[in-house]
Amino acid sequence: MSKFVDPRGFAEWEATLPASVLRDPIWRTPAYRFGLWLASLAKKDFNLLYADRGSRNTAEQLLRAVEAISGNLSEGYGRSTGPERARYYGYAQSTTRESRDWYLKAREMLGEEVVEQRLAVLERILRILSAVIPRERATPPHQRRRRRSDEPDAQP
């Protein structure tokens, strides 16, 4: 899907998803795919953090922030104009940075290797959004993006 190699473990997780998810046009959006995958990983991280009474707030904040990444991207993807999409993609960018902050706070409990892997995924999402948001903002508000699912069926 992308010219970049998917992170280790992503393909195995992707193979567990229902076909309907993989067919949805939003699945072609790398930031969304990685955000959804990271939310799955964050649930495991949540369980480890929540087991320690002193880390429960961090666990809850971390999971909320990570789950908001793909949620905001989903909401923005359905918007009809570039500026509207850019607004939600900006929210996703903010929650990506917030997620990074919570992962840094959880380093001691989760371990350096886990946190480094999560930070690498977050960095990739940030880089994607840093390229996409200005492009969406520059789209004239009256111009609707055409998606493959919007195109009429071709006649033989």
C-alpha atoms as a PDB file:
ATOM      1  CA  MET A   1       0.000   0.000   0.000  1.00  0.00           C
ATOM      2  CA  SER A   2       2.784   2.379   0.831  1.00  0.00           C
ATOM      3  CA  LYS A   3       6.261   2.839  -0.513  1.00  0.00           C
ATOM      4  CA  PHE A   4       7.519   2.394   3.043  1.00  0.00           C
ATOM      5  CA  VAL A   5       7.835  -0.917   4.836  1.00  0.00           C
ATOM      6  CA  ASP A   6       5.121  -1.516   7.414  1.00  0.00           C
ATOM      7  CA  PRO A   7       6.294  -1.688  11.034  1.00  0.00           C
ATOM      8  CA  ARG A   8       7.111  -5.096  12.499  1.00  0.00           C
ATOM      9  CA  GLY A   9       3.973  -6.851  13.689  1.00  0.00           C
ATOM     10  CA  PHE A  10       1.587  -4.774  11.583  1.00  0.00           C
ATOM     11  CA  ALA A  11       0.989  -7.401   8.856  1.00  0.00           C
ATOM     12  CA  GLU A  12       0.126 -10.067  11.419  1.00  0.00           C
ATOM     13  CA  TRP A  13      -2.403  -7.761  13.077  1.00  0.00           C
ATOM     14  CA  GLU A  14      -3.831  -6.649   9.726  1.00  0.00           C
ATOM     15  CA  ALA A  15      -4.463 -10.307   8.803  1.00  0.00           C
ATOM     16  CA  THR A  16      -6.870 -10.575  11.772  1.00  0.00           C
ATOM     17  CA  LEU A  17      -9.174  -7.791  10.552  1.00  0.00           C
ATOM     18  CA  PRO A  18     -12.510  -8.364   8.833  1.00  0.00           C
ATOM     19  CA  ALA A  19     -12.489  -7.997   5.043  1.00  0.00           C
ATOM     20  CA  SER A  20     -15.044  -5.180   5.280  1.00  0.00           C
ATOM     21  CA  VAL A  21     -12.496  -3.030   7.122  1.00  0.00           C
ATOM     22  CA  LEU A  22      -9.803  -3.713   4.540  1.00  0.00           C
ATOM     23  CA  ARG A  23     -12.175  -2.829   1.676  1.00  0.00           C
ATOM     24  CA  ASP A  24     -13.181   0.507   3.165  1.00  0.00           C
ATOM     25  CA  PRO A  25     -11.536   3.418   1.270  1.00  0.00           C
ATOM     26  CA  ILE A  26     -10.150   4.862   4.515  1.00  0.00           C
ATOM     27  CA  TRP A  27      -7.922   1.775   4.813  1.00  0.00           C
ATOM     28  CA  ARG A  28      -5.766   3.247   2.027  1.00  0.00           C
ATOM     29  CA  THR A  29      -4.849   6.042   4.467  1.00  0.00           C
ATOM     30  CA  PRO A  30      -1.605   4.984   6.193  1.00  0.00           C
ATOM     31  CA  ALA A  31      -2.038   7.282   9.202  1.00  0.00           C
ATOM     32  CA  TYR A  32      -5.428   5.688   9.863  1.00  0.00           C
ATOM     33  CA  ARG A  33      -4.083   2.130   9.535  1.00  0.00           C
ATOM     34  CA  PHE A  34      -1.202   2.816  11.911  1.00  0.00           C
ATOM     35  CA  GLY A  35      -3.446   4.698  14.349  1.00  0.00           C
ATOM     36  CA  LEU A  36      -5.885   1.805  14.515  1.00  0.00           C
ATOM     37  CA  TRP A  37      -3.056  -0.692  14.975  1.00  0.00           C
ATOM     38  CA  LEU A  38      -1.483   1.438  17.681  1.00  0.00           C
ATOM     39  CA  ALA A  39      -4.826   1.531  19.511  1.00  0.00           C
ATOM     40  CA  SER A  40      -4.738  -2.267  19.571  1.00  0.00           C
ATOM     41  CA  LEU A  41      -1.212  -2.201  21.003  1.00  0.00           C
ATOM     42  CA  ALA A  42      -2.172   0.499  23.512  1.00  0.00           C
ATOM     43  CA  LYS A  43      -4.857  -1.773  24.979  1.00  0.00           C
ATOM     44  CA  LYS A  44      -2.133  -4.245  25.909  1.00  0.00           C
ATOM     45  CA  ASP A  45      -0.055  -1.391  27.337  1.00  0.00           C
ATOM     46  CA  PHE A  46      -3.107  -0.183  29.262  1.00  0.00           C
ATOM     47  CA  ASN A  47      -3.506  -3.569  30.961  1.00  0.00           C
ATOM     48  CA  LEU A  48       0.112  -3.570  32.109  1.00  0.00           C
ATOM     49  CA  LEU A  49      -0.024   0.012  33.359  1.00  0.00           C
ATOM     50  CA  TYR A  50      -3.423  -0.322  35.021  1.00  0.00           C
ATOM     51  CA  ALA A  51      -2.231  -3.293  37.075  1.00  0.00           C
ATOM     52  CA  ASP A  52       0.018  -0.840  38.951  1.00  0.00           C
ATOM     53  CA  ARG A  53      -2.176   1.374  41.110  1.00  0.00           C
ATOM     54  CA  GLY A  54       0.152   4.365  40.705  1.00  0.00           C
ATOM     55  CA  SER A  55      -0.008   4.196  36.892  1.00  0.00           C
ATOM     56  CA  ARG A  56      -3.766   4.029  36.441  1.00  0.00           C
ATOM     57  CA  ASN A  57      -4.181   7.668  35.438  1.00  0.00           C
ATOM     58  CA  THR A  58      -1.389   7.315  32.894  1.00  0.00           C
ATOM     59  CA  ALA A  59      -3.005   4.130  31.571  1.00  0.00           C
ATOM     60  CA  GLU A  60      -6.378   5.791  31.104  1.00  0.00           C
ATOM     61  CA  GLN A  61      -4.981   8.966  29.534  1.00  0.00           C
ATOM     62  CA  LEU A  62      -2.712   6.985  27.220  1.00  0.00           C
ATOM     63  CA  LEU A  63      -5.508   4.772  25.931  1.00  0.00           C
ATOM     64  CA  ARG A  64      -7.872   7.717  25.420  1.00  0.00           C
ATOM     65  CA  ALA A  65      -5.257   9.665  23.473  1.00  0.00           C
ATOM     66  CA  VAL A  66      -4.161   6.766  21.269  1.00  0.00           C
ATOM     67  CA  GLU A  67      -7.717   5.706  20.462  1.00  0.00           C
ATOM     68  CA  ALA A  68      -8.543   9.295  19.477  1.00  0.00           C
ATOM     69  CA  ILE A  69      -5.962   9.252  16.660  1.00  0.00           C
ATOM     70  CA  SER A  70      -7.852   6.886  14.352  1.00  0.00           C
ATOM     71  CA  GLY A  71     -11.187   8.228  15.623  1.00  0.00           C
ATOM     72  CA  ASN A  72     -10.339  11.761  14.512  1.00  0.00           C
ATOM     73  CA  LEU A  73      -8.979  10.522  11.197  1.00  0.00           C
ATOM     74  CA  SER A  74     -12.205   8.567  10.606  1.00  0.00           C
ATOM     75  CA  GLU A  75     -14.316  11.593  11.344  1.00  0.00           C
ATOM     76  CA  GLY A  76     -12.216  13.837   9.125  1.00  0.00           C
ATOM     77  CA  TYR A  77     -12.128  11.381   6.242  1.00  0.00           C
ATOM     78  CA  GLY A  78     -15.896  11.619   5.899  1.00  0.00           C
ATOM     79  CA  ARG A  79     -15.884  15.406   5.563  1.00  0.00           C
ATOM     80  CA  SER A  80     -16.588  16.775   2.116  1.00  0.00           C
ATOM     81  CA  THR A  81     -14.082  19.637   1.903  1.00  0.00           C
ATOM     82  CA  GLY A  82     -10.348  19.876   2.392  1.00  0.00           C
ATOM     83  CA  PRO A  83     -10.493  22.512   5.143  1.00  0.00           C
ATOM     84  CA  GLU A  84     -13.002  20.402   7.092  1.00  0.00           C
ATOM     85  CA  ARG A  85     -10.800  17.314   6.726  1.00  0.00           C
ATOM     86  CA  ALA A  86      -7.739  19.324   7.736  1.00  0.00           C
ATOM     87  CA  ARG A  87      -9.444  20.381  10.969  1.00  0.00           C
ATOM     88  CA  TYR A  88     -10.024  16.775  12.065  1.00  0.00           C
ATOM     89  CA  TYR A  89      -6.630  15.664  10.812  1.00  0.00           C
ATOM     90  CA  GLY A  90      -5.221  18.463  12.986  1.00  0.00           C
ATOM     91  CA  TYR A  91      -7.050  16.972  15.961  1.00  0.00           C
ATOM     92  CA  ALA A  92      -5.480  13.618  15.103  1.00  0.00           C
ATOM     93  CA  GLN A  93      -2.071  15.289  14.949  1.00  0.00           C
ATOM     94  CA  SER A  94      -2.638  16.791  18.395  1.00  0.00           C
ATOM     95  CA  THR A  95      -3.717  13.478  19.902  1.00  0.00           C
ATOM     96  CA  THR A  96      -0.704  11.811  18.291  1.00  0.00           C
ATOM     97  CA  ARG A  97       1.558  14.255  20.112  1.00  0.00           C
ATOM     98  CA  GLU A  98      -0.412  13.740  23.321  1.00  0.00           C
ATOM     99  CA  SER A  99      -0.005   9.967  22.922  1.00  0.00           C
ATOM    100  CA  ARG A 100       3.739  10.429  22.556  1.00  0.00           C
ATOM    101  CA  ASP A 101       3.763  12.405  25.789  1.00  0.00           C
ATOM    102  CA  TRP A 102       1.904   9.653  27.674  1.00  0.00           C
ATOM    103  CA  TYR A 103       4.180   6.961  26.273  1.00  0.00           C
ATOM    104  CA  LEU A 104       7.200   8.915  27.479  1.00  0.00           C
ATOM    105  CA  LYS A 105       5.633   9.064  30.943  1.00  0.00           C
ATOM    106  CA  ALA A 106       5.050   5.294  30.857  1.00  0.00           C
ATOM    107  CA  ARG A 107       8.618   4.376  29.839  1.00  0.00           C
ATOM    108  CA  GLU A 108       9.608   3.030  33.220  1.00  0.00           C
ATOM    109  CA  MET A 109       6.629   0.663  33.417  1.00  0.00           C
ATOM    110  CA  LEU A 110       6.462  -0.429  29.767  1.00  0.00           C
ATOM    111  CA  GLY A 111      10.181  -0.652  29.089  1.00  0.00           C
ATOM    112  CA  GLU A 112      12.405   1.135  26.612  1.00  0.00           C
ATOM    113  CA  GLU A 113      11.953  -1.334  23.741  1.00  0.00           C
ATOM    114  CA  VAL A 114       8.146  -1.181  23.785  1.00  0.00           C
ATOM    115  CA  VAL A 115       8.085   2.591  24.098  1.00  0.00           C
ATOM    116  CA  GLU A 116      10.637   3.067  21.307  1.00  0.00           C
ATOM    117  CA  GLN A 117       8.507   0.931  18.989  1.00  0.00           C
ATOM    118  CA  ARG A 118       5.350   2.900  19.880  1.00  0.00           C
ATOM    119  CA  LEU A 119       7.178   6.219  19.448  1.00  0.00           C
ATOM    120  CA  ALA A 120       8.388   5.151  16.000  1.00  0.00           C
ATOM    121  CA  VAL A 121       4.783   4.492  14.927  1.00  0.00           C
ATOM    122  CA  LEU A 122       3.658   7.820  16.369  1.00  0.00           C
ATOM    123  CA  GLU A 123       6.476   9.610  14.571  1.00  0.00           C
ATOM    124  CA  ARG A 124       5.402   8.024  11.314  1.00  0.00           C
ATOM    125  CA  ILE A 125       1.805   9.165  11.841  1.00  0.00           C
ATOM    126  CA  LEU A 126       3.025  12.700  12.603  1.00  0.00           C
ATOM    127  CA  ARG A 127       5.124  12.782   9.442  1.00  0.00           C
ATOM    128  CA  ILE A 128       2.178  11.639   7.330  1.00  0.00           C
ATOM    129  CA  LEU A 129      -0.163  14.196   8.868  1.00  0.00           C
ATOM    130  CA  SER A 130       2.422  16.969   8.508  1.00  0.00           C
ATOM    131  CA  ALA A 131       2.317  16.367   4.754  1.00  0.00           C
ATOM    132  CA  VAL A 132      -1.445  15.800   4.433  1.00  0.00           C
ATOM    133  CA  ILE A 133      -2.828  18.669   6.516  1.00  0.00           C
ATOM    134  CA  PRO A 134      -1.356  21.566   4.463  1.00  0.00           C
ATOM    135  CA  ARG A 135      -2.493  19.860   1.260  1.00  0.00           C
ATOM    136  CA  GLU A 136      -6.046  19.506   2.595  1.00  0.00           C
ATOM    137  CA  ARG A 137      -6.101  23.103   3.851  1.00  0.00           C
ATOM    138  CA  ALA A 138      -5.109  24.289   0.379  1.00  0.00           C
ATOM    139  CA  THR A 139      -8.045  22.507  -1.267  1.00  0.00           C
ATOM    140  CA  PRO A 140     -10.676  25.109  -2.183  1.00  0.00           C
ATOM    141  CA  PRO A 141     -13.677  24.751   0.181  1.00  0.00           C
ATOM    142  CA  HIS A 142     -16.129  24.336  -2.698  1.00  0.00           C
ATOM    143  CA  GLN A 143     -14.151  21.492  -4.270  1.00  0.00           C
ATOM    144  CA  ARG A 144     -15.241  18.054  -3.123  1.00  0.00           C
ATOM    145  CA  ARG A 145     -12.672  15.272  -3.189  1.00  0.00           C
ATOM    146  CA  ARG A 146     -13.610  12.387  -5.451  1.00  0.00           C
ATOM    147  CA  ARG A 147     -13.071   8.945  -4.063  1.00  0.00           C
ATOM    148  CA  ARG A 148     -13.184   5.700  -5.945  1.00  0.00           C
ATOM    149  CA  SER A 149     -16.376   4.876  -4.090  1.00  0.00           C
ATOM    150  CA  ASP A 150     -17.908   8.161  -5.415  1.00  0.00           C
ATOM    151  CA  GLU A 151     -17.189   7.402  -9.055  1.00  0.00           C
ATOM    152  CA  PRO A 152     -20.010   5.995 -11.155  1.00  0.00           C
ATOM    153  CA  ASP A 153     -19.653   2.443 -12.373  1.00  0.00           C
ATOM    154  CA  ALA A 154     -17.912   2.206 -15.726  1.00  0.00           C
ATOM    155  CA  GLN A 155     -20.047   1.128 -18.639  1.00  0.00           C
ATOM    156  CA  PRO A 156     -18.714  -1.735 -20.815  1.00  0.00           C
END
